[in-house]
Amino acid sequence: MSELLVVDGANVVGSVPDGWWRDRRGAAERLRDRLVTYGERTGAEVILVVEGAARGVESVPGVRVESARGSGDDHIVELVERVGGPCTVVTADRELRRRVEELGARTAGPRTVREDG
C-alpha cells in the first residue's frame, strides 16, 4: 500500500512569499503540478486540500484535489478520520498538526513537498 500524503494547500502555498496572494488559484495549480512529480518520485498517493479562492482547482492524474466547503483545516481533519489508517499531513500550522497527530497521522513541514526546499 502506498503512503497517503494530505497537503494543506493554503499553508504550503503561503509558506513562501512569491506573490501567491495575487493569484491564489494559480498558485494552488502550480503546487498541484509539483505534487504530481513528488508522487511519482515517492510513490505516495497525494490529496491536495484547497479552500477559499483556490476552490475548484481540478484533480489531475497523480493528485486528487479536494475543495473544502468551509475551513481547510476541518476538511483535513475529517479526511484523516475517514482514512482511519496511516497518513502524513503536510502543514506548518501547529494547531492542525496537533489535531491530526491526535488521530494518529504523521506530520511534515511544507519543505517536504516544495521543489525549492
PDB file of N, CA and C in Angstrom:
ATOM      1  N   MET A   1       0.845  -1.180   0.000  1.00  0.00           N
ATOM      2  CA  MET A   1       0.000   0.000   0.000  1.00  0.00           C
ATOM      3  C   MET A   1       0.890   1.244   0.000  1.00  0.00           C
ATOM      4  N   SER A   2       0.549   2.226  -0.831  1.00  0.00           N
ATOM      5  CA  SER A   2       1.357   3.437  -0.904  1.00  0.00           C
ATOM      6  C   SER A   2       1.019   4.389   0.238  1.00  0.00           C
ATOM      7  N   GLU A   3       1.967   5.234   0.548  1.00  0.00           N
ATOM      8  CA  GLU A   3       1.771   6.239   1.583  1.00  0.00           C
ATOM      9  C   GLU A   3       0.726   7.242   1.118  1.00  0.00           C
ATOM     10  N   LEU A   4      -0.143   7.677   2.021  1.00  0.00           N
ATOM     11  CA  LEU A   4      -1.111   8.723   1.724  1.00  0.00           C
ATOM     12  C   LEU A   4      -0.559  10.033   2.259  1.00  0.00           C
ATOM     13  N   LEU A   5      -0.481  11.022   1.388  1.00  0.00           N
ATOM     14  CA  LEU A   5       0.021  12.337   1.743  1.00  0.00           C
ATOM     15  C   LEU A   5      -1.115  13.330   1.564  1.00  0.00           C
ATOM     16  N   VAL A   6      -1.511  14.004   2.640  1.00  0.00           N
ATOM     17  CA  VAL A   6      -2.568  15.014   2.592  1.00  0.00           C
ATOM     18  C   VAL A   6      -1.894  16.370   2.747  1.00  0.00           C
ATOM     19  N   VAL A   7      -2.079  17.248   1.752  1.00  0.00           N
ATOM     20  CA  VAL A   7      -1.365  18.520   1.714  1.00  0.00           C
ATOM     21  C   VAL A   7      -2.322  19.672   1.995  1.00  0.00           C
ATOM     22  N   ASP A   8      -1.974  20.472   2.992  1.00  0.00           N
ATOM     23  CA  ASP A   8      -2.703  21.697   3.347  1.00  0.00           C
ATOM     24  C   ASP A   8      -2.297  22.767   2.330  1.00  0.00           C
ATOM     25  N   GLY A   9      -3.057  22.865   1.257  1.00  0.00           N
ATOM     26  CA  GLY A   9      -2.690  23.729   0.142  1.00  0.00           C
ATOM     27  C   GLY A   9      -2.439  25.169   0.532  1.00  0.00           C
ATOM     28  N   ALA A  10      -3.350  25.767   1.298  1.00  0.00           N
ATOM     29  CA  ALA A  10      -3.197  27.177   1.664  1.00  0.00           C
ATOM     30  C   ALA A  10      -1.923  27.394   2.475  1.00  0.00           C
ATOM     31  N   ASN A  11      -1.627  26.482   3.366  1.00  0.00           N
ATOM     32  CA  ASN A  11      -0.454  26.628   4.215  1.00  0.00           C
ATOM     33  C   ASN A  11       0.835  26.447   3.427  1.00  0.00           C
ATOM     34  N   VAL A  12       0.882  25.454   2.555  1.00  0.00           N
ATOM     35  CA  VAL A  12       2.098  25.221   1.776  1.00  0.00           C
ATOM     36  C   VAL A  12       2.326  26.355   0.784  1.00  0.00           C
ATOM     37  N   VAL A  13       1.268  26.791   0.100  1.00  0.00           N
ATOM     38  CA  VAL A  13       1.394  27.913  -0.845  1.00  0.00           C
ATOM     39  C   VAL A  13       1.865  29.159  -0.102  1.00  0.00           C
ATOM     40  N   GLY A  14       1.310  29.393   1.078  1.00  0.00           N
ATOM     41  CA  GLY A  14       1.647  30.590   1.847  1.00  0.00           C
ATOM     42  C   GLY A  14       2.993  30.553   2.530  1.00  0.00           C
ATOM     43  N   SER A  15       3.699  29.428   2.432  1.00  0.00           N
ATOM     44  CA  SER A  15       4.974  29.298   3.143  1.00  0.00           C
ATOM     45  C   SER A  15       6.123  30.034   2.454  1.00  0.00           C
ATOM     46  N   VAL A  16       5.909  30.485   1.233  1.00  0.00           N
ATOM     47  CA  VAL A  16       6.946  31.223   0.501  1.00  0.00           C
ATOM     48  C   VAL A  16       6.311  32.485  -0.091  1.00  0.00           C
ATOM     49  N   PRO A  17       6.849  33.662   0.238  1.00  0.00           N
ATOM     50  CA  PRO A  17       6.261  34.913  -0.262  1.00  0.00           C
ATOM     51  C   PRO A  17       6.642  35.182  -1.723  1.00  0.00           C
ATOM     52  N   ASP A  18       6.012  34.433  -2.630  1.00  0.00           N
ATOM     53  CA  ASP A  18       6.357  34.544  -4.050  1.00  0.00           C
ATOM     54  C   ASP A  18       5.276  35.237  -4.882  1.00  0.00           C
ATOM     55  N   GLY A  19       4.381  35.967  -4.220  1.00  0.00           N
ATOM     56  CA  GLY A  19       3.310  36.662  -4.928  1.00  0.00           C
ATOM     57  C   GLY A  19       2.044  35.841  -5.062  1.00  0.00           C
ATOM     58  N   TRP A  20       1.936  34.713  -4.362  1.00  0.00           N
ATOM     59  CA  TRP A  20       0.776  33.821  -4.437  1.00  0.00           C
ATOM     60  C   TRP A  20      -0.534  34.541  -4.171  1.00  0.00           C
ATOM     61  N   TRP A  21      -0.510  35.589  -3.370  1.00  0.00           N
ATOM     62  CA  TRP A  21      -1.737  36.294  -2.978  1.00  0.00           C
ATOM     63  C   TRP A  21      -2.389  37.008  -4.149  1.00  0.00           C
ATOM     64  N   ARG A  22      -1.655  37.241  -5.224  1.00  0.00           N
ATOM     65  CA  ARG A  22      -2.236  37.883  -6.411  1.00  0.00           C
ATOM     66  C   ARG A  22      -3.049  36.904  -7.250  1.00  0.00           C
ATOM     67  N   ASP A  23      -2.771  35.607  -7.110  1.00  0.00           N
ATOM     68  CA  ASP A  23      -3.465  34.585  -7.886  1.00  0.00           C
ATOM     69  C   ASP A  23      -3.467  33.285  -7.088  1.00  0.00           C
ATOM     70  N   ARG A  24      -4.366  33.220  -6.128  1.00  0.00           N
ATOM     71  CA  ARG A  24      -4.401  32.061  -5.228  1.00  0.00           C
ATOM     72  C   ARG A  24      -4.710  30.764  -5.969  1.00  0.00           C
ATOM     73  N   ARG A  25      -5.613  30.833  -6.909  1.00  0.00           N
ATOM     74  CA  ARG A  25      -5.955  29.625  -7.666  1.00  0.00           C
ATOM     75  C   ARG A  25      -4.754  29.172  -8.503  1.00  0.00           C
ATOM     76  N   GLY A  26      -4.103  30.103  -9.179  1.00  0.00           N
ATOM     77  CA  GLY A  26      -2.921  29.765  -9.977  1.00  0.00           C
ATOM     78  C   GLY A  26      -1.817  29.178  -9.118  1.00  0.00           C
ATOM     79  N   ALA A  27      -1.639  29.732  -7.920  1.00  0.00           N
ATOM     80  CA  ALA A  27      -0.620  29.211  -7.006  1.00  0.00           C
ATOM     81  C   ALA A  27      -0.955  27.778  -6.592  1.00  0.00           C
ATOM     82  N   ALA A  28      -2.246  27.505  -6.338  1.00  0.00           N
ATOM     83  CA  ALA A  28      -2.660  26.149  -5.966  1.00  0.00           C
ATOM     84  C   ALA A  28      -2.464  25.187  -7.138  1.00  0.00           C
ATOM     85  N   GLU A  29      -2.711  25.665  -8.360  1.00  0.00           N
ATOM     86  CA  GLU A  29      -2.494  24.807  -9.536  1.00  0.00           C
ATOM     87  C   GLU A  29      -1.009  24.491  -9.721  1.00  0.00           C
ATOM     88  N   ARG A  30      -0.153  25.481  -9.483  1.00  0.00           N
ATOM     89  CA  ARG A  30       1.296  25.225  -9.590  1.00  0.00           C
ATOM     90  C   ARG A  30       1.749  24.220  -8.533  1.00  0.00           C
ATOM     91  N   LEU A  31       1.216  24.350  -7.304  1.00  0.00           N
ATOM     92  CA  LEU A  31       1.541  23.380  -6.253  1.00  0.00           C
ATOM     93  C   LEU A  31       1.054  21.992  -6.664  1.00  0.00           C
ATOM     94  N   ARG A  32      -0.176  21.913  -7.150  1.00  0.00           N
ATOM     95  CA  ARG A  32      -0.716  20.618  -7.595  1.00  0.00           C
ATOM     96  C   ARG A  32       0.218  19.965  -8.615  1.00  0.00           C
ATOM     97  N   ASP A  33       0.671  20.764  -9.574  1.00  0.00           N
ATOM     98  CA  ASP A  33       1.539  20.215 -10.616  1.00  0.00           C
ATOM     99  C   ASP A  33       2.883  19.737 -10.053  1.00  0.00           C
ATOM    100  N   ARG A  34       3.424  20.448  -9.059  1.00  0.00           N
ATOM    101  CA  ARG A  34       4.666  19.993  -8.406  1.00  0.00           C
ATOM    102  C   ARG A  34       4.423  18.704  -7.627  1.00  0.00           C
ATOM    103  N   LEU A  35       3.219  18.586  -7.053  1.00  0.00           N
ATOM    104  CA  LEU A  35       2.898  17.393  -6.275  1.00  0.00           C
ATOM    105  C   LEU A  35       2.814  16.141  -7.145  1.00  0.00           C
ATOM    106  N   VAL A  36       2.474  16.308  -8.432  1.00  0.00           N
ATOM    107  CA  VAL A  36       2.475  15.160  -9.348  1.00  0.00           C
ATOM    108  C   VAL A  36       3.881  14.560  -9.374  1.00  0.00           C
ATOM    109  N   THR A  37       4.876  15.418  -9.538  1.00  0.00           N
ATOM    110  CA  THR A  37       6.269  14.961  -9.578  1.00  0.00           C
ATOM    111  C   THR A  37       6.657  14.320  -8.254  1.00  0.00           C
ATOM    112  N   TYR A  38       6.241  14.928  -7.140  1.00  0.00           N
ATOM    113  CA  TYR A  38       6.548  14.368  -5.825  1.00  0.00           C
ATOM    114  C   TYR A  38       5.955  12.963  -5.700  1.00  0.00           C
ATOM    115  N   GLY A  39       4.713  12.803  -6.096  1.00  0.00           N
ATOM    116  CA  GLY A  39       4.058  11.498  -6.025  1.00  0.00           C
ATOM    117  C   GLY A  39       4.731  10.466  -6.897  1.00  0.00           C
ATOM    118  N   GLU A  40       5.140  10.882  -8.100  1.00  0.00           N
ATOM    119  CA  GLU A  40       5.834   9.954  -8.995  1.00  0.00           C
ATOM    120  C   GLU A  40       7.168   9.510  -8.397  1.00  0.00           C
ATOM    121  N   ARG A  41       7.868  10.459  -7.779  1.00  0.00           N
ATOM    122  CA  ARG A  41       9.188  10.168  -7.214  1.00  0.00           C
ATOM    123  C   ARG A  41       9.103   9.271  -5.981  1.00  0.00           C
ATOM    124  N   THR A  42       8.063   9.468  -5.162  1.00  0.00           N
ATOM    125  CA  THR A  42       7.982   8.760  -3.883  1.00  0.00           C
ATOM    126  C   THR A  42       7.000   7.594  -3.880  1.00  0.00           C
ATOM    127  N   GLY A  43       6.108   7.551  -4.854  1.00  0.00           N
ATOM    128  CA  GLY A  43       5.072   6.523  -4.866  1.00  0.00           C
ATOM    129  C   GLY A  43       3.900   6.842  -3.960  1.00  0.00           C
ATOM    130  N   ALA A  44       3.862   8.051  -3.402  1.00  0.00           N
ATOM    131  CA  ALA A  44       2.785   8.439  -2.487  1.00  0.00           C
ATOM    132  C   ALA A  44       1.495   8.714  -3.254  1.00  0.00           C
ATOM    133  N   GLU A  45       0.377   8.406  -2.614  1.00  0.00           N
ATOM    134  CA  GLU A  45      -0.937   8.844  -3.087  1.00  0.00           C
ATOM    135  C   GLU A  45      -1.128  10.241  -2.497  1.00  0.00           C
ATOM    136  N   VAL A  46      -1.400  11.237  -3.341  1.00  0.00           N
ATOM    137  CA  VAL A  46      -1.426  12.628  -2.885  1.00  0.00           C
ATOM    138  C   VAL A  46      -2.836  13.210  -2.976  1.00  0.00           C
ATOM    139  N   ILE A  47      -3.261  13.823  -1.859  1.00  0.00           N
ATOM    140  CA  ILE A  47      -4.509  14.579  -1.827  1.00  0.00           C
ATOM    141  C   ILE A  47      -4.159  16.010  -1.450  1.00  0.00           C
ATOM    142  N   LEU A  48      -4.528  16.957  -2.295  1.00  0.00           N
ATOM    143  CA  LEU A  48      -4.316  18.382  -2.045  1.00  0.00           C
ATOM    144  C   LEU A  48      -5.641  18.985  -1.619  1.00  0.00           C
ATOM    145  N   VAL A  49      -5.677  19.595  -0.443  1.00  0.00           N
ATOM    146  CA  VAL A  49      -6.891  20.243   0.050  1.00  0.00           C
ATOM    147  C   VAL A  49      -6.762  21.747  -0.172  1.00  0.00           C
ATOM    148  N   VAL A  50      -7.742  22.307  -0.895  1.00  0.00           N
ATOM    149  CA  VAL A  50      -7.753  23.739  -1.184  1.00  0.00           C
ATOM    150  C   VAL A  50      -8.998  24.364  -0.575  1.00  0.00           C
ATOM    151  N   GLU A  51      -8.933  25.687  -0.400  1.00  0.00           N
ATOM    152  CA  GLU A  51     -10.059  26.410   0.198  1.00  0.00           C
ATOM    153  C   GLU A  51     -10.102  27.812  -0.372  1.00  0.00           C
ATOM    154  N   GLY A  52     -11.170  28.526  -0.059  1.00  0.00           N
ATOM    155  CA  GLY A  52     -11.282  29.927  -0.458  1.00  0.00           C
ATOM    156  C   GLY A  52     -11.189  30.115  -1.961  1.00  0.00           C
ATOM    157  N   ALA A  53     -10.387  31.094  -2.379  1.00  0.00           N
ATOM    158  CA  ALA A  53     -10.259  31.443  -3.795  1.00  0.00           C
ATOM    159  C   ALA A  53      -9.649  30.320  -4.627  1.00  0.00           C
ATOM    160  N   ALA A  54      -9.027  29.353  -3.996  1.00  0.00           N
ATOM    161  CA  ALA A  54      -8.424  28.234  -4.730  1.00  0.00           C
ATOM    162  C   ALA A  54      -9.408  27.091  -4.960  1.00  0.00           C
ATOM    163  N   ARG A  55     -10.607  27.194  -4.375  1.00  0.00           N
ATOM    164  CA  ARG A  55     -11.608  26.129  -4.589  1.00  0.00           C
ATOM    165  C   ARG A  55     -11.876  25.970  -6.075  1.00  0.00           C
ATOM    166  N   GLY A  56     -12.086  24.741  -6.491  1.00  0.00           N
ATOM    167  CA  GLY A  56     -12.394  24.480  -7.885  1.00  0.00           C
ATOM    168  C   GLY A  56     -11.189  24.057  -8.707  1.00  0.00           C
ATOM    169  N   VAL A  57     -10.002  24.068  -8.106  1.00  0.00           N
ATOM    170  CA  VAL A  57      -8.828  23.547  -8.810  1.00  0.00           C
ATOM    171  C   VAL A  57      -9.109  22.076  -9.101  1.00  0.00           C
ATOM    172  N   GLU A  58      -8.855  21.669 -10.322  1.00  0.00           N
ATOM    173  CA  GLU A  58      -9.178  20.312 -10.774  1.00  0.00           C
ATOM    174  C   GLU A  58      -8.119  19.295 -10.357  1.00  0.00           C
ATOM    175  N   SER A  59      -8.572  18.084 -10.134  1.00  0.00           N
ATOM    176  CA  SER A  59      -7.654  16.962  -9.926  1.00  0.00           C
ATOM    177  C   SER A  59      -6.965  16.644 -11.243  1.00  0.00           C
ATOM    178  N   VAL A  60      -5.783  16.062 -11.156  1.00  0.00           N
ATOM    179  CA  VAL A  60      -5.043  15.584 -12.325  1.00  0.00           C
ATOM    180  C   VAL A  60      -4.534  14.189 -11.978  1.00  0.00           C
ATOM    181  N   PRO A  61      -4.146  13.406 -12.985  1.00  0.00           N
ATOM    182  CA  PRO A  61      -3.588  12.092 -12.661  1.00  0.00           C
ATOM    183  C   PRO A  61      -2.410  12.232 -11.689  1.00  0.00           C
ATOM    184  N   GLY A  62      -2.504  11.542 -10.567  1.00  0.00           N
ATOM    185  CA  GLY A  62      -1.447  11.583  -9.568  1.00  0.00           C
ATOM    186  C   GLY A  62      -1.743  12.472  -8.380  1.00  0.00           C
ATOM    187  N   VAL A  63      -2.703  13.394  -8.513  1.00  0.00           N
ATOM    188  CA  VAL A  63      -3.064  14.274  -7.389  1.00  0.00           C
ATOM    189  C   VAL A  63      -4.577  14.479  -7.383  1.00  0.00           C
ATOM    190  N   ARG A  64      -5.201  14.021  -6.308  1.00  0.00           N
ATOM    191  CA  ARG A  64      -6.634  14.283  -6.111  1.00  0.00           C
ATOM    192  C   ARG A  64      -6.754  15.602  -5.364  1.00  0.00           C
ATOM    193  N   VAL A  65      -7.571  16.506  -5.898  1.00  0.00           N
ATOM    194  CA  VAL A  65      -7.787  17.796  -5.250  1.00  0.00           C
ATOM    195  C   VAL A  65      -9.172  17.784  -4.622  1.00  0.00           C
ATOM    196  N   GLU A  66      -9.226  18.148  -3.345  1.00  0.00           N
ATOM    197  CA  GLU A  66     -10.499  18.265  -2.640  1.00  0.00           C
ATOM    198  C   GLU A  66     -10.677  19.710  -2.209  1.00  0.00           C
ATOM    199  N   SER A  67     -11.831  20.289  -2.582  1.00  0.00           N
ATOM    200  CA  SER A  67     -12.151  21.663  -2.208  1.00  0.00           C
ATOM    201  C   SER A  67     -12.942  21.659  -0.912  1.00  0.00           C
ATOM    202  N   ALA A  68     -12.410  22.332   0.098  1.00  0.00           N
ATOM    203  CA  ALA A  68     -13.098  22.416   1.392  1.00  0.00           C
ATOM    204  C   ALA A  68     -14.273  23.374   1.257  1.00  0.00           C
ATOM    205  N   ARG A  69     -15.418  22.960   1.745  1.00  0.00           N
ATOM    206  CA  ARG A  69     -16.586  23.855   1.724  1.00  0.00           C
ATOM    207  C   ARG A  69     -16.400  25.009   2.692  1.00  0.00           C
ATOM    208  N   GLY A  70     -15.762  24.720   3.810  1.00  0.00           N
ATOM    209  CA  GLY A  70     -15.513  25.743   4.818  1.00  0.00           C
ATOM    210  C   GLY A  70     -14.026  25.811   5.108  1.00  0.00           C
ATOM    211  N   SER A  71     -13.675  25.485   6.335  1.00  0.00           N
ATOM    212  CA  SER A  71     -12.279  25.513   6.764  1.00  0.00           C
ATOM    213  C   SER A  71     -11.491  24.360   6.145  1.00  0.00           C
ATOM    214  N   GLY A  72     -10.360  24.689   5.543  1.00  0.00           N
ATOM    215  CA  GLY A  72      -9.479  23.660   5.014  1.00  0.00           C
ATOM    216  C   GLY A  72      -8.964  22.752   6.114  1.00  0.00           C
ATOM    217  N   ASP A  73      -8.660  23.339   7.276  1.00  0.00           N
ATOM    218  CA  ASP A  73      -8.164  22.542   8.403  1.00  0.00           C
ATOM    219  C   ASP A  73      -9.193  21.506   8.832  1.00  0.00           C
ATOM    220  N   ASP A  74     -10.461  21.934   8.968  1.00  0.00           N
ATOM    221  CA  ASP A  74     -11.511  20.999   9.365  1.00  0.00           C
ATOM    222  C   ASP A  74     -11.668  19.886   8.328  1.00  0.00           C
ATOM    223  N   HIS A  75     -11.563  20.237   7.056  1.00  0.00           N
ATOM    224  CA  HIS A  75     -11.676  19.240   5.984  1.00  0.00           C
ATOM    225  C   HIS A  75     -10.544  18.215   6.095  1.00  0.00           C
ATOM    226  N   ILE A  76      -9.339  18.695   6.375  1.00  0.00           N
ATOM    227  CA  ILE A  76      -8.186  17.790   6.512  1.00  0.00           C
ATOM    228  C   ILE A  76      -8.387  16.843   7.698  1.00  0.00           C
ATOM    229  N   VAL A  77      -8.870  17.375   8.815  1.00  0.00           N
ATOM    230  CA  VAL A  77      -9.131  16.530   9.988  1.00  0.00           C
ATOM    231  C   VAL A  77     -10.175  15.465   9.647  1.00  0.00           C
ATOM    232  N   GLU A  78     -11.234  15.859   8.943  1.00  0.00           N
ATOM    233  CA  GLU A  78     -12.262  14.896   8.549  1.00  0.00           C
ATOM    234  C   GLU A  78     -11.689  13.832   7.615  1.00  0.00           C
ATOM    235  N   LEU A  79     -10.822  14.244   6.708  1.00  0.00           N
ATOM    236  CA  LEU A  79     -10.167  13.298   5.793  1.00  0.00           C
ATOM    237  C   LEU A  79      -9.348  12.273   6.571  1.00  0.00           C
ATOM    238  N   VAL A  80      -8.559  12.743   7.516  1.00  0.00           N
ATOM    239  CA  VAL A  80      -7.725  11.846   8.330  1.00  0.00           C
ATOM    240  C   VAL A  80      -8.614  10.880   9.106  1.00  0.00           C
ATOM    241  N   GLU A  81      -9.730  11.369   9.628  1.00  0.00           N
ATOM    242  CA  GLU A  81     -10.661  10.495  10.353  1.00  0.00           C
ATOM    243  C   GLU A  81     -11.227   9.429   9.423  1.00  0.00           C
ATOM    244  N   ARG A  82     -11.592   9.817   8.200  1.00  0.00           N
ATOM    245  CA  ARG A  82     -12.164   8.873   7.228  1.00  0.00           C
ATOM    246  C   ARG A  82     -11.155   7.820   6.806  1.00  0.00           C
ATOM    247  N   VAL A  83      -9.910   8.233   6.600  1.00  0.00           N
ATOM    248  CA  VAL A  83      -8.864   7.310   6.165  1.00  0.00           C
ATOM    249  C   VAL A  83      -8.678   6.215   7.212  1.00  0.00           C
ATOM    250  N   GLY A  84      -8.610   6.619   8.461  1.00  0.00           N
ATOM    251  CA  GLY A  84      -8.502   5.658   9.541  1.00  0.00           C
ATOM    252  C   GLY A  84      -7.243   4.809   9.528  1.00  0.00           C
ATOM    253  N   GLY A  85      -6.278   5.191   8.730  1.00  0.00           N
ATOM    254  CA  GLY A  85      -5.030   4.439   8.667  1.00  0.00           C
ATOM    255  C   GLY A  85      -3.866   5.394   8.580  1.00  0.00           C
ATOM    256  N   PRO A  86      -2.690   4.870   8.305  1.00  0.00           N
ATOM    257  CA  PRO A  86      -1.507   5.727   8.284  1.00  0.00           C
ATOM    258  C   PRO A  86      -1.556   6.762   7.158  1.00  0.00           C
ATOM    259  N   CYS A  87      -1.204   7.980   7.500  1.00  0.00           N
ATOM    260  CA  CYS A  87      -1.083   9.037   6.505  1.00  0.00           C
ATOM    261  C   CYS A  87      -0.182  10.130   7.083  1.00  0.00           C
ATOM    262  N   THR A  88       0.266  10.995   6.185  1.00  0.00           N
ATOM    263  CA  THR A  88       1.088  12.130   6.577  1.00  0.00           C
ATOM    264  C   THR A  88       0.386  13.389   6.109  1.00  0.00           C
ATOM    265  N   VAL A  89       0.280  14.365   7.001  1.00  0.00           N
ATOM    266  CA  VAL A  89      -0.312  15.662   6.673  1.00  0.00           C
ATOM    267  C   VAL A  89       0.820  16.674   6.567  1.00  0.00           C
ATOM    268  N   VAL A  90       0.862  17.382   5.435  1.00  0.00           N
ATOM    269  CA  VAL A  90       1.895  18.392   5.208  1.00  0.00           C
ATOM    270  C   VAL A  90       1.311  19.762   5.521  1.00  0.00           C
ATOM    271  N   THR A  91       1.835  20.377   6.580  1.00  0.00           N
ATOM    272  CA  THR A  91       1.395  21.706   7.011  1.00  0.00           C
ATOM    273  C   THR A  91       2.397  22.242   8.024  1.00  0.00           C
ATOM    274  N   ALA A  92       2.427  23.559   8.166  1.00  0.00           N
ATOM    275  CA  ALA A  92       3.213  24.178   9.232  1.00  0.00           C
ATOM    276  C   ALA A  92       2.297  24.700  10.339  1.00  0.00           C
ATOM    277  N   ASP A  93       1.005  24.527  10.161  1.00  0.00           N
ATOM    278  CA  ASP A  93       0.001  25.017  11.110  1.00  0.00           C
ATOM    279  C   ASP A  93       0.045  24.166  12.383  1.00  0.00           C
ATOM    280  N   ARG A  94       0.481  24.762  13.474  1.00  0.00           N
ATOM    281  CA  ARG A  94       0.669  23.993  14.725  1.00  0.00           C
ATOM    282  C   ARG A  94      -0.617  23.374  15.239  1.00  0.00           C
ATOM    283  N   GLU A  95      -1.706  24.133  15.190  1.00  0.00           N
ATOM    284  CA  GLU A  95      -2.979  23.611  15.692  1.00  0.00           C
ATOM    285  C   GLU A  95      -3.461  22.437  14.833  1.00  0.00           C
ATOM    286  N   LEU A  96      -3.341  22.551  13.517  1.00  0.00           N
ATOM    287  CA  LEU A  96      -3.735  21.446  12.641  1.00  0.00           C
ATOM    288  C   LEU A  96      -2.841  20.234  12.896  1.00  0.00           C
ATOM    289  N   ARG A  97      -1.549  20.458  13.062  1.00  0.00           N
ATOM    290  CA  ARG A  97      -0.643  19.346  13.369  1.00  0.00           C
ATOM    291  C   ARG A  97      -1.094  18.616  14.631  1.00  0.00           C
ATOM    292  N   ARG A  98      -1.415  19.384  15.662  1.00  0.00           N
ATOM    293  CA  ARG A  98      -1.873  18.782  16.921  1.00  0.00           C
ATOM    294  C   ARG A  98      -3.136  17.948  16.692  1.00  0.00           C
ATOM    295  N   ARG A  99      -4.091  18.505  15.967  1.00  0.00           N
ATOM    296  CA  ARG A  99      -5.373  17.823  15.741  1.00  0.00           C
ATOM    297  C   ARG A  99      -5.185  16.498  14.995  1.00  0.00           C
ATOM    298  N   VAL A 100      -4.379  16.492  13.943  1.00  0.00           N
ATOM    299  CA  VAL A 100      -4.231  15.251  13.162  1.00  0.00           C
ATOM    300  C   VAL A 100      -3.313  14.249  13.852  1.00  0.00           C
ATOM    301  N   GLU A 101      -2.328  14.743  14.610  1.00  0.00           N
ATOM    302  CA  GLU A 101      -1.471  13.820  15.364  1.00  0.00           C
ATOM    303  C   GLU A 101      -2.276  13.081  16.419  1.00  0.00           C
ATOM    304  N   GLU A 102      -3.273  13.745  17.015  1.00  0.00           N
ATOM    305  CA  GLU A 102      -4.151  13.082  17.986  1.00  0.00           C
ATOM    306  C   GLU A 102      -4.923  11.930  17.347  1.00  0.00           C
ATOM    307  N   LEU A 103      -5.108  12.009  16.017  1.00  0.00           N
ATOM    308  CA  LEU A 103      -5.813  10.953  15.280  1.00  0.00           C
ATOM    309  C   LEU A 103      -4.851   9.898  14.739  1.00  0.00           C
ATOM    310  N   GLY A 104      -3.558  10.056  15.014  1.00  0.00           N
ATOM    311  CA  GLY A 104      -2.575   9.068  14.601  1.00  0.00           C
ATOM    312  C   GLY A 104      -1.819   9.395  13.321  1.00  0.00           C
ATOM    313  N   ALA A 105      -2.091  10.540  12.720  1.00  0.00           N
ATOM    314  CA  ALA A 105      -1.370  10.910  11.493  1.00  0.00           C
ATOM    315  C   ALA A 105       0.018  11.423  11.833  1.00  0.00           C
ATOM    316  N   ARG A 106       0.932  11.226  10.886  1.00  0.00           N
ATOM    317  CA  ARG A 106       2.247  11.856  10.985  1.00  0.00           C
ATOM    318  C   ARG A 106       2.115  13.240  10.352  1.00  0.00           C
ATOM    319  N   THR A 107       3.051  14.125  10.660  1.00  0.00           N
ATOM    320  CA  THR A 107       3.036  15.457  10.046  1.00  0.00           C
ATOM    321  C   THR A 107       4.426  15.778   9.507  1.00  0.00           C
ATOM    322  N   ALA A 108       4.426  16.656   8.502  1.00  0.00           N
ATOM    323  CA  ALA A 108       5.668  17.112   7.899  1.00  0.00           C
ATOM    324  C   ALA A 108       5.472  18.567   7.480  1.00  0.00           C
ATOM    325  N   GLY A 109       6.567  19.298   7.419  1.00  0.00           N
ATOM    326  CA  GLY A 109       6.507  20.704   7.043  1.00  0.00           C
ATOM    327  C   GLY A 109       6.430  20.903   5.535  1.00  0.00           C
ATOM    328  N   PRO A 110       6.101  22.122   5.102  1.00  0.00           N
ATOM    329  CA  PRO A 110       5.967  22.428   3.675  1.00  0.00           C
ATOM    330  C   PRO A 110       7.202  22.112   2.836  1.00  0.00           C
ATOM    331  N   ARG A 111       8.391  22.211   3.425  1.00  0.00           N
ATOM    332  CA  ARG A 111       9.610  21.929   2.645  1.00  0.00           C
ATOM    333  C   ARG A 111       9.629  20.508   2.097  1.00  0.00           C
ATOM    334  N   THR A 112       8.861  19.633   2.727  1.00  0.00           N
ATOM    335  CA  THR A 112       8.785  18.241   2.286  1.00  0.00           C
ATOM    336  C   THR A 112       8.386  18.157   0.821  1.00  0.00           C
ATOM    337  N   VAL A 113       7.487  19.038   0.384  1.00  0.00           N
ATOM    338  CA  VAL A 113       6.939  18.936  -0.980  1.00  0.00           C
ATOM    339  C   VAL A 113       7.295  20.105  -1.871  1.00  0.00           C
ATOM    340  N   ARG A 114       7.995  21.096  -1.345  1.00  0.00           N
ATOM    341  CA  ARG A 114       8.360  22.253  -2.166  1.00  0.00           C
ATOM    342  C   ARG A 114       9.643  21.948  -2.921  1.00  0.00           C
ATOM    343  N   GLU A 115       9.648  22.237  -4.205  1.00  0.00           N
ATOM    344  CA  GLU A 115      10.846  21.955  -5.008  1.00  0.00           C
ATOM    345  C   GLU A 115      12.027  22.814  -4.599  1.00  0.00           C
ATOM    346  N   ASP A 116      11.746  23.949  -3.965  1.00  0.00           N
ATOM    347  CA  ASP A 116      12.828  24.831  -3.553  1.00  0.00           C
ATOM    348  C   ASP A 116      13.270  24.545  -2.124  1.00  0.00           C
ATOM    349  N   GLY A 117      12.683  23.514  -1.492  1.00  0.00           N
ATOM    350  CA  GLY A 117      13.016  23.232  -0.107  1.00  0.00           C
ATOM    351  C   GLY A 117      13.775  22.037   0.035  1.00  0.00           C
TER     352      GLY A 117
END
